[in-house]
C-alpha atoms as a PDB file:
ATOM      1  CA  UNK A   1      96.399 132.798 101.115  1.00  0.00           C
ATOM      2  CA  UNK A   2      96.975 134.430  97.920  1.00  0.00           C
ATOM      3  CA  UNK A   3      93.683 135.203  96.148  1.00  0.00           C
ATOM      4  CA  UNK A   4      93.427 133.373  92.589  1.00  0.00           C
ATOM      5  CA  UNK A   5      92.360 134.728  89.423  1.00  0.00           C
ATOM      6  CA  UNK A   6      90.114 132.559  87.238  1.00  0.00           C
ATOM      7  CA  UNK A   7      88.222 133.729  83.827  1.00  0.00           C
ATOM      8  CA  UNK A   8      84.795 132.500  83.325  1.00  0.00           C
ATOM      9  CA  UNK A   9      82.294 133.255  80.439  1.00  0.00           C
ATOM     10  CA  UNK A  10      78.153 133.338  80.740  1.00  0.00           C
ATOM     11  CA  UNK A  11      76.572 130.128  79.866  1.00  0.00           C
ATOM     12  CA  UNK A  12      73.646 129.878  77.915  1.00  0.00           C
ATOM     13  CA  UNK A  13      73.848 126.110  77.035  1.00  0.00           C
ATOM     14  CA  UNK A  14      71.829 123.931  79.672  1.00  0.00           C
ATOM     15  CA  UNK A  15      71.056 120.355  80.245  1.00  0.00           C
ATOM     16  CA  UNK A  16      72.702 117.570  77.976  1.00  0.00           C
ATOM     17  CA  UNK A  17      73.911 120.179  75.686  1.00  0.00           C
ATOM     18  CA  UNK A  18      76.971 120.779  77.646  1.00  0.00           C
ATOM     19  CA  UNK A  19      78.385 117.964  76.323  1.00  0.00           C
ATOM     20  CA  UNK A  20      79.664 119.884  73.515  1.00  0.00           C
ATOM     21  CA  UNK A  21      81.370 122.451  75.746  1.00  0.00           C
ATOM     22  CA  UNK A  22      83.337 119.608  77.698  1.00  0.00           C
ATOM     23  CA  UNK A  23      84.712 118.470  74.043  1.00  0.00           C
ATOM     24  CA  UNK A  24      85.900 121.946  73.395  1.00  0.00           C
ATOM     25  CA  UNK A  25      87.723 121.877  76.742  1.00  0.00           C
ATOM     26  CA  UNK A  26      85.355 123.725  78.801  1.00  0.00           C
ATOM     27  CA  UNK A  27      83.605 122.899  82.045  1.00  0.00           C
ATOM     28  CA  UNK A  28      80.329 124.266  82.794  1.00  0.00           C
ATOM     29  CA  UNK A  29      79.274 125.562  86.424  1.00  0.00           C
ATOM     30  CA  UNK A  30      77.172 127.893  88.014  1.00  0.00           C
ATOM     31  CA  UNK A  31      77.455 130.605  90.656  1.00  0.00           C
ATOM     32  CA  UNK A  32      75.358 130.665  93.650  1.00  0.00           C
ATOM     33  CA  UNK A  33      75.376 132.648  96.764  1.00  0.00           C
ATOM     34  CA  UNK A  34      73.033 134.118  99.686  1.00  0.00           C
ATOM     35  CA  UNK A  35      70.072 136.194  98.431  1.00  0.00           C
ATOM     36  CA  UNK A  36      71.880 135.825  94.856  1.00  0.00           C
ATOM     37  CA  UNK A  37      70.146 134.693  91.625  1.00  0.00           C
ATOM     38  CA  UNK A  38      72.247 131.588  90.086  1.00  0.00           C
ATOM     39  CA  UNK A  39      74.568 132.268  87.095  1.00  0.00           C
ATOM     40  CA  UNK A  40      75.446 129.884  84.728  1.00  0.00           C
ATOM     41  CA  UNK A  41      78.995 129.858  83.108  1.00  0.00           C
ATOM     42  CA  UNK A  42      82.040 128.046  82.065  1.00  0.00           C
ATOM     43  CA  UNK A  43      85.516 128.128  82.486  1.00  0.00           C
ATOM     44  CA  UNK A  44      88.437 126.607  80.660  1.00  0.00           C
ATOM     45  CA  UNK A  45      89.649 122.927  81.885  1.00  0.00           C
ATOM     46  CA  UNK A  46      93.145 123.858  82.105  1.00  0.00           C
ATOM     47  CA  UNK A  47      92.689 126.905  83.796  1.00  0.00           C
ATOM     48  CA  UNK A  48      90.672 125.590  86.282  1.00  0.00           C
ATOM     49  CA  UNK A  49      92.777 122.774  87.242  1.00  0.00           C
ATOM     50  CA  UNK A  50      95.599 125.177  88.082  1.00  0.00           C
ATOM     51  CA  UNK A  51      93.452 127.197  90.450  1.00  0.00           C
ATOM     52  CA  UNK A  52      91.851 124.156  92.164  1.00  0.00           C
ATOM     53  CA  UNK A  53      95.412 122.831  92.748  1.00  0.00           C
ATOM     54  CA  UNK A  54      96.232 126.121  94.434  1.00  0.00           C
ATOM     55  CA  UNK A  55      93.078 127.049  96.086  1.00  0.00           C
ATOM     56  CA  UNK A  56      91.178 123.673  97.112  1.00  0.00           C
ATOM     57  CA  UNK A  57      88.033 124.271  98.839  1.00  0.00           C
ATOM     58  CA  UNK A  58      89.168 126.943 101.223  1.00  0.00           C
ATOM     59  CA  UNK A  59      91.171 129.210  98.890  1.00  0.00           C
ATOM     60  CA  UNK A  60      89.405 132.720  97.770  1.00  0.00           C
ATOM     61  CA  UNK A  61      88.929 132.612  93.943  1.00  0.00           C
ATOM     62  CA  UNK A  62      88.486 136.161  92.078  1.00  0.00           C
ATOM     63  CA  UNK A  63      86.015 135.055  89.129  1.00  0.00           C
ATOM     64  CA  UNK A  64      85.616 137.289  86.421  1.00  0.00           C
ATOM     65  CA  UNK A  65      82.585 136.891  84.428  1.00  0.00           C
ATOM     66  CA  UNK A  66      82.819 138.286  80.718  1.00  0.00           C
ATOM     67  CA  UNK A  67      83.855 142.049  81.141  1.00  0.00           C
ATOM     68  CA  UNK A  68      81.857 142.576  84.214  1.00  0.00           C
ATOM     69  CA  UNK A  69      83.552 143.026  87.750  1.00  0.00           C
ATOM     70  CA  UNK A  70      84.954 140.110  89.435  1.00  0.00           C
ATOM     71  CA  UNK A  71      83.454 138.140  92.474  1.00  0.00           C
ATOM     72  CA  UNK A  72      85.022 136.726  95.189  1.00  0.00           C
ATOM     73  CA  UNK A  73      83.982 132.954  95.336  1.00  0.00           C
ATOM     74  CA  UNK A  74      84.876 129.455  96.699  1.00  0.00           C
ATOM     75  CA  UNK A  75      85.069 126.113  94.936  1.00  0.00           C
ATOM     76  CA  UNK A  76      82.195 124.703  96.936  1.00  0.00           C
ATOM     77  CA  UNK A  77      81.895 121.225  94.766  1.00  0.00           C
ATOM     78  CA  UNK A  78      83.498 119.569  91.695  1.00  0.00           C
ATOM     79  CA  UNK A  79      81.322 116.897  90.175  1.00  0.00           C
ATOM     80  CA  UNK A  80      83.616 113.959  88.581  1.00  0.00           C
ATOM     81  CA  UNK A  81      83.220 111.469  85.842  1.00  0.00           C
ATOM     82  CA  UNK A  82      83.616 108.207  87.835  1.00  0.00           C
ATOM     83  CA  UNK A  83      85.436 106.339  84.858  1.00  0.00           C
ATOM     84  CA  UNK A  84      87.913 109.230  83.488  1.00  0.00           C
ATOM     85  CA  UNK A  85      88.185 111.280  86.739  1.00  0.00           C
ATOM     86  CA  UNK A  86      87.645 114.389  84.675  1.00  0.00           C
ATOM     87  CA  UNK A  87      85.501 117.463  86.211  1.00  0.00           C
ATOM     88  CA  UNK A  88      82.422 117.424  84.860  1.00  0.00           C
ATOM     89  CA  UNK A  89      80.663 120.683  86.708  1.00  0.00           C
ATOM     90  CA  UNK A  90      81.653 123.093  89.340  1.00  0.00           C
ATOM     91  CA  UNK A  91      79.644 124.855  92.219  1.00  0.00           C
ATOM     92  CA  UNK A  92      81.287 128.123  92.965  1.00  0.00           C
ATOM     93  CA  UNK A  93      79.666 130.032  95.689  1.00  0.00           C
ATOM     94  CA  UNK A  94      79.965 133.700  95.964  1.00  0.00           C
ATOM     95  CA  UNK A  95      80.835 135.527  99.155  1.00  0.00           C
ATOM     96  CA  UNK A  96      80.638 138.617 101.228  1.00  0.00           C
ATOM     97  CA  UNK A  97      83.967 139.378 102.455  1.00  0.00           C
ATOM     98  CA  UNK A  98      82.453 140.906 105.361  1.00  0.00           C
ATOM     99  CA  UNK A  99      80.288 137.645 106.695  1.00  0.00           C
ATOM    100  CA  UNK A 100      81.890 134.798 108.037  1.00  0.00           C
ATOM    101  CA  UNK A 101      81.723 131.545 106.051  1.00  0.00           C
ATOM    102  CA  UNK A 102      82.175 127.874 107.387  1.00  0.00           C
ATOM    103  CA  UNK A 103      84.823 125.331 105.459  1.00  0.00           C
ATOM    104  CA  UNK A 104      86.498 122.133 105.921  1.00  0.00           C
ATOM    105  CA  UNK A 105      90.255 122.508 106.624  1.00  0.00           C
ATOM    106  CA  UNK A 106      92.586 119.683 106.073  1.00  0.00           C
ATOM    107  CA  UNK A 107      94.857 118.502 109.045  1.00  0.00           C
ATOM    108  CA  UNK A 108      98.104 117.893 107.850  1.00  0.00           C
ATOM    109  CA  UNK A 109     100.666 115.816 109.703  1.00  0.00           C
ATOM    110  CA  UNK A 110     104.261 117.113 109.817  1.00  0.00           C
ATOM    111  CA  UNK A 111     107.377 116.364 111.997  1.00  0.00           C
ATOM    112  CA  UNK A 112     109.325 112.863 112.454  1.00  0.00           C
ATOM    113  CA  UNK A 113     107.771 109.890 113.918  1.00  0.00           C
ATOM    114  CA  UNK A 114     108.981 108.421 117.177  1.00  0.00           C
ATOM    115  CA  UNK A 115     111.331 105.571 117.043  1.00  0.00           C
ATOM    116  CA  UNK A 116     108.913 102.932 118.261  1.00  0.00           C
ATOM    117  CA  UNK A 117     106.943 103.857 115.137  1.00  0.00           C
ATOM    118  CA  UNK A 118     110.000 103.148 112.979  1.00  0.00           C
ATOM    119  CA  UNK A 119     110.734 100.202 114.534  1.00  0.00           C
ATOM    120  CA  UNK A 120     107.107  98.765 113.839  1.00  0.00           C
ATOM    121  CA  UNK A 121     106.025  98.424 117.598  1.00  0.00           C
ATOM    122  CA  UNK A 122     103.686 101.435 117.283  1.00  0.00           C
ATOM    123  CA  UNK A 123     101.495 103.677 114.850  1.00  0.00           C
ATOM    124  CA  UNK A 124     100.614 107.057 114.142  1.00  0.00           C
ATOM    125  CA  UNK A 125      96.983 107.013 114.216  1.00  0.00           C
ATOM    126  CA  UNK A 126      95.058 110.303 112.827  1.00  0.00           C
ATOM    127  CA  UNK A 127      91.535 109.968 113.742  1.00  0.00           C
ATOM    128  CA  UNK A 128      90.661 113.507 112.363  1.00  0.00           C
ATOM    129  CA  UNK A 129      91.602 114.598 109.170  1.00  0.00           C
ATOM    130  CA  UNK A 130      89.715 117.951 108.560  1.00  0.00           C
ATOM    131  CA  UNK A 131      88.015 119.861 110.728  1.00  0.00           C
ATOM    132  CA  UNK A 132      84.961 122.812 110.144  1.00  0.00           C
ATOM    133  CA  UNK A 133      86.174 126.328 110.452  1.00  0.00           C
ATOM    134  CA  UNK A 134      84.337 129.700 110.465  1.00  0.00           C
ATOM    135  CA  UNK A 135      86.072 132.910 109.546  1.00  0.00           C
ATOM    136  CA  UNK A 136      86.084 135.794 107.273  1.00  0.00           C
ATOM    137  CA  UNK A 137      86.722 134.597 103.507  1.00  0.00           C
ATOM    138  CA  UNK A 138      89.939 136.741 103.485  1.00  0.00           C
ATOM    139  CA  UNK A 139      91.349 134.942 106.722  1.00  0.00           C
ATOM    140  CA  UNK A 140      90.608 130.970 105.710  1.00  0.00           C
ATOM    141  CA  UNK A 141      93.732 128.882 105.412  1.00  0.00           C
ATOM    142  CA  UNK A 142      94.471 126.049 102.915  1.00  0.00           C
ATOM    143  CA  UNK A 143      95.515 123.813 105.720  1.00  0.00           C
ATOM    144  CA  UNK A 144      96.206 123.331 109.516  1.00  0.00           C
ATOM    145  CA  UNK A 145      99.616 121.745 110.202  1.00  0.00           C
ATOM    146  CA  UNK A 146      99.737 119.295 113.442  1.00  0.00           C
ATOM    147  CA  UNK A 147     103.442 118.883 114.436  1.00  0.00           C
ATOM    148  CA  UNK A 148     103.823 114.957 115.534  1.00  0.00           C
ATOM    149  CA  UNK A 149     107.198 115.389 116.756  1.00  0.00           C
ATOM    150  CA  UNK A 150     106.377 116.033 120.328  1.00  0.00           C
ATOM    151  CA  UNK A 151     104.790 112.362 120.718  1.00  0.00           C
ATOM    152  CA  UNK A 152     106.703 109.351 122.065  1.00  0.00           C
ATOM    153  CA  UNK A 153     104.751 106.890 123.939  1.00  0.00           C
ATOM    154  CA  UNK A 154     101.469 105.238 123.629  1.00  0.00           C
ATOM    155  CA  UNK A 155      98.409 107.277 124.244  1.00  0.00           C
ATOM    156  CA  UNK A 156     100.591 110.396 123.510  1.00  0.00           C
ATOM    157  CA  UNK A 157      98.075 112.417 121.767  1.00  0.00           C
ATOM    158  CA  UNK A 158      97.104 116.145 120.159  1.00  0.00           C
ATOM    159  CA  UNK A 159      93.683 117.253 120.579  1.00  0.00           C
ATOM    160  CA  UNK A 160      91.553 120.124 118.632  1.00  0.00           C
ATOM    161  CA  UNK A 161      92.129 122.146 121.592  1.00  0.00           C
ATOM    162  CA  UNK A 162      95.950 122.230 121.099  1.00  0.00           C
ATOM    163  CA  UNK A 163      95.914 123.015 117.175  1.00  0.00           C
ATOM    164  CA  UNK A 164      98.041 125.951 116.521  1.00  0.00           C
ATOM    165  CA  UNK A 165      96.332 128.304 114.584  1.00  0.00           C
ATOM    166  CA  UNK A 166      95.349 132.150 115.005  1.00  0.00           C
ATOM    167  CA  UNK A 167      92.130 131.734 116.908  1.00  0.00           C
ATOM    168  CA  UNK A 168      91.244 135.337 116.799  1.00  0.00           C
ATOM    169  CA  UNK A 169      90.445 135.101 113.128  1.00  0.00           C
ATOM    170  CA  UNK A 170      89.639 131.268 112.855  1.00  0.00           C
ATOM    171  CA  UNK A 171      87.168 129.663 115.061  1.00  0.00           C
ATOM    172  CA  UNK A 172      87.250 125.575 114.945  1.00  0.00           C
ATOM    173  CA  UNK A 173      83.912 124.148 115.028  1.00  0.00           C
ATOM    174  CA  UNK A 174      84.778 120.878 117.155  1.00  0.00           C
ATOM    175  CA  UNK A 175      85.314 119.757 120.906  1.00  0.00           C
ATOM    176  CA  UNK A 176      88.601 120.909 122.199  1.00  0.00           C
ATOM    177  CA  UNK A 177      89.120 117.604 123.632  1.00  0.00           C
ATOM    178  CA  UNK A 178      88.491 115.792 120.540  1.00  0.00           C
ATOM    179  CA  UNK A 179      91.669 113.621 119.299  1.00  0.00           C
ATOM    180  CA  UNK A 180      93.491 114.659 116.073  1.00  0.00           C
ATOM    181  CA  UNK A 181      96.288 112.256 116.017  1.00  0.00           C
ATOM    182  CA  UNK A 182      97.998 109.696 118.849  1.00  0.00           C
ATOM    183  CA  UNK A 183     100.322 107.155 119.236  1.00  0.00           C
ATOM    184  CA  UNK A 184      98.842 103.687 119.191  1.00  0.00           C
ATOM    185  CA  UNK A 185     100.171 100.090 119.700  1.00  0.00           C
ATOM    186  CA  UNK A 186     100.857  98.253 116.385  1.00  0.00           C
ATOM    187  CA  UNK A 187      98.526  95.497 118.032  1.00  0.00           C
ATOM    188  CA  UNK A 188      95.715  96.460 120.096  1.00  0.00           C
ATOM    189  CA  UNK A 189      94.784  94.756 123.169  1.00  0.00           C
ATOM    190  CA  UNK A 190      91.708  93.138 121.650  1.00  0.00           C
ATOM    191  CA  UNK A 191      93.667  91.834 118.616  1.00  0.00           C
ATOM    192  CA  UNK A 192      96.177  90.327 121.004  1.00  0.00           C
ATOM    193  CA  UNK A 193      93.436  88.702 122.855  1.00  0.00           C
ATOM    194  CA  UNK A 194      91.839  87.103 119.729  1.00  0.00           C
ATOM    195  CA  UNK A 195      95.388  86.065 118.242  1.00  0.00           C
ATOM    196  CA  UNK A 196      95.772  84.289 121.777  1.00  0.00           C
ATOM    197  CA  UNK A 197      92.366  82.512 121.381  1.00  0.00           C
ATOM    198  CA  UNK A 198      92.937  81.766 118.107  1.00  0.00           C
ATOM    199  CA  UNK A 199      96.138  80.149 118.908  1.00  0.00           C
ATOM    200  CA  UNK A 200      94.846  78.062 121.867  1.00  0.00           C
ATOM    201  CA  UNK A 201      92.096  76.799 119.677  1.00  0.00           C
ATOM    202  CA  UNK A 202      94.674  75.485 117.287  1.00  0.00           C
ATOM    203  CA  UNK A 203      96.703  73.672 119.739  1.00  0.00           C
ATOM    204  CA  UNK A 204      93.719  72.213 121.293  1.00  0.00           C
ATOM    205  CA  UNK A 205      92.868  70.623 117.528  1.00  0.00           C
ATOM    206  CA  UNK A 206      96.349  69.455 116.839  1.00  0.00           C
ATOM    207  CA  UNK A 207      96.693  67.747 120.389  1.00  0.00           C
ATOM    208  CA  UNK A 208      93.254  66.231 120.060  1.00  0.00           C
ATOM    209  CA  UNK A 209      94.527  65.040 116.545  1.00  0.00           C
ATOM    210  CA  UNK A 210      97.627  63.341 117.759  1.00  0.00           C
ATOM    211  CA  UNK A 211      96.352  62.085 120.990  1.00  0.00           C
ATOM    212  CA  UNK A 212      93.180  60.458 119.542  1.00  0.00           C
ATOM    213  CA  UNK A 213      90.895  62.799 121.811  1.00  0.00           C
ATOM    214  CA  UNK A 214      87.870  63.625 119.776  1.00  0.00           C
ATOM    215  CA  UNK A 215      87.548  67.662 119.233  1.00  0.00           C
ATOM    216  CA  UNK A 216      84.633  69.545 120.531  1.00  0.00           C
ATOM    217  CA  UNK A 217      81.220  68.597 118.680  1.00  0.00           C
ATOM    218  CA  UNK A 218      82.812  64.955 117.763  1.00  0.00           C
ATOM    219  CA  UNK A 219      82.140  61.262 119.161  1.00  0.00           C
ATOM    220  CA  UNK A 220      84.627  59.003 120.496  1.00  0.00           C
ATOM    221  CA  UNK A 221      84.721  55.718 118.520  1.00  0.00           C
ATOM    222  CA  UNK A 222      83.654  52.564 120.205  1.00  0.00           C
ATOM    223  CA  UNK A 223      86.145  50.280 121.681  1.00  0.00           C
ATOM    224  CA  UNK A 224      87.009  47.177 120.008  1.00  0.00           C
ATOM    225  CA  UNK A 225      84.174  44.308 120.737  1.00  0.00           C
ATOM    226  CA  UNK A 226      82.117  47.139 122.087  1.00  0.00           C
ATOM    227  CA  UNK A 227      78.288  46.530 120.256  1.00  0.00           C
ATOM    228  CA  UNK A 228      77.343  49.199 118.554  1.00  0.00           C
ATOM    229  CA  UNK A 229      73.664  48.677 118.335  1.00  0.00           C
ATOM    230  CA  UNK A 230      71.483  48.426 121.413  1.00  0.00           C
ATOM    231  CA  UNK A 231      70.726  44.964 122.780  1.00  0.00           C
ATOM    232  CA  UNK A 232      67.240  43.432 121.326  1.00  0.00           C
ATOM    233  CA  UNK A 233      63.972  43.309 123.792  1.00  0.00           C
ATOM    234  CA  UNK A 234      64.723  39.723 124.706  1.00  0.00           C
ATOM    235  CA  UNK A 235      68.628  40.205 125.461  1.00  0.00           C
ATOM    236  CA  UNK A 236      67.936  43.214 127.493  1.00  0.00           C
ATOM    237  CA  UNK A 237      64.957  41.239 129.447  1.00  0.00           C
ATOM    238  CA  UNK A 238      67.643  38.944 130.073  1.00  0.00           C
ATOM    239  CA  UNK A 239      70.275  41.200 131.283  1.00  0.00           C
ATOM    240  CA  UNK A 240      67.475  42.592 133.653  1.00  0.00           C
ATOM    241  CA  UNK A 241      66.916  39.429 135.656  1.00  0.00           C
ATOM    242  CA  UNK A 242      63.999  38.266 133.324  1.00  0.00           C
ATOM    243  CA  UNK A 243      63.473  34.370 132.112  1.00  0.00           C
ATOM    244  CA  UNK A 244      66.689  32.591 131.332  1.00  0.00           C
ATOM    245  CA  UNK A 245      67.491  30.388 129.083  1.00  0.00           C
ATOM    246  CA  UNK A 246      67.101  26.296 129.769  1.00  0.00           C
ATOM    247  CA  UNK A 247      69.988  24.735 130.945  1.00  0.00           C
ATOM    248  CA  UNK A 248      71.849  22.612 128.158  1.00  0.00           C
ATOM    249  CA  UNK A 249      70.953  19.026 128.730  1.00  0.00           C
ATOM    250  CA  UNK A 250      74.005  16.791 129.354  1.00  0.00           C
ATOM    251  CA  UNK A 251      74.090  13.718 126.607  1.00  0.00           C
ATOM    252  CA  UNK A 252      73.365  10.477 128.425  1.00  0.00           C
ATOM    253  CA  UNK A 253      76.117   8.081 128.697  1.00  0.00           C
END
C-alpha cells in the first residue's frame, strides 16, 4: 500500500474544551505507542476524511506533527457522534517499522455468482468478514480479495487456508479450516421442516373447522337431548338399582 501523509498540530486544549476545535473544522486525537508517551494532536477534518478513505485501519500513515519529524502511524480507532455521524476523536498508533503488528483485514468477495444463486435457489453465505493478520507495518494490505467464481454447488466453500495472499509477509491468525464463504440452500433443512410443520397444523385446523372435529384442547359439544348436568343423588340411586318409585295405581272402574 502507498503511504499517505497527514499533517497534525500539537494540541494543548483538553477535556470538554475540545468542542471549540470541532467548530473550527478540527478533530482532536492522540498518538500512542509501545514505550512512548502519549501526544495530544488535532488534524483537519477534511484532510483526515481523505486519509481514512484511502488507508482504513491497515494503511500506514506518515503523521507530521508541526515541524518535527514524521511519525509512521496506523489509525487504530475513530470515535463518532452517534447522531451526526461525524468523527469526534482519533487514536493514532505509532509503530516501529521493524516490528510486526496485528490488524484486522477485511475480506472482500469478488467474481461472478453461480447460476443457482441468480435463480434464487441458493445463496452466497459469507461467514467471515475479516481476519486478524500479523505483518510488518510496511507489508500490510488494505484488503484480501476472495474469488467466488469457482463455487458452483451447495456446500462448495473457501476456507482461510485457501485465501490467496503473500504468506511470507502476512500471517493469518485464524484456523486454516475455518470457512470464509460457501454456497448454501436458499431455504435450510430446518426452515423447510418448520414450514412443513406449520402447514400441517394449518391444514388440520381447517379440516376441524369444516368437519366439526374439535381442535386440540377443545371439547366436543354434547349431542341433542344429552343432559349437560350430572344426575341428582336420587336419580343416580335409582339408576344403580336402588329404591324404585311406587307403581302408578289404576283408577277404579
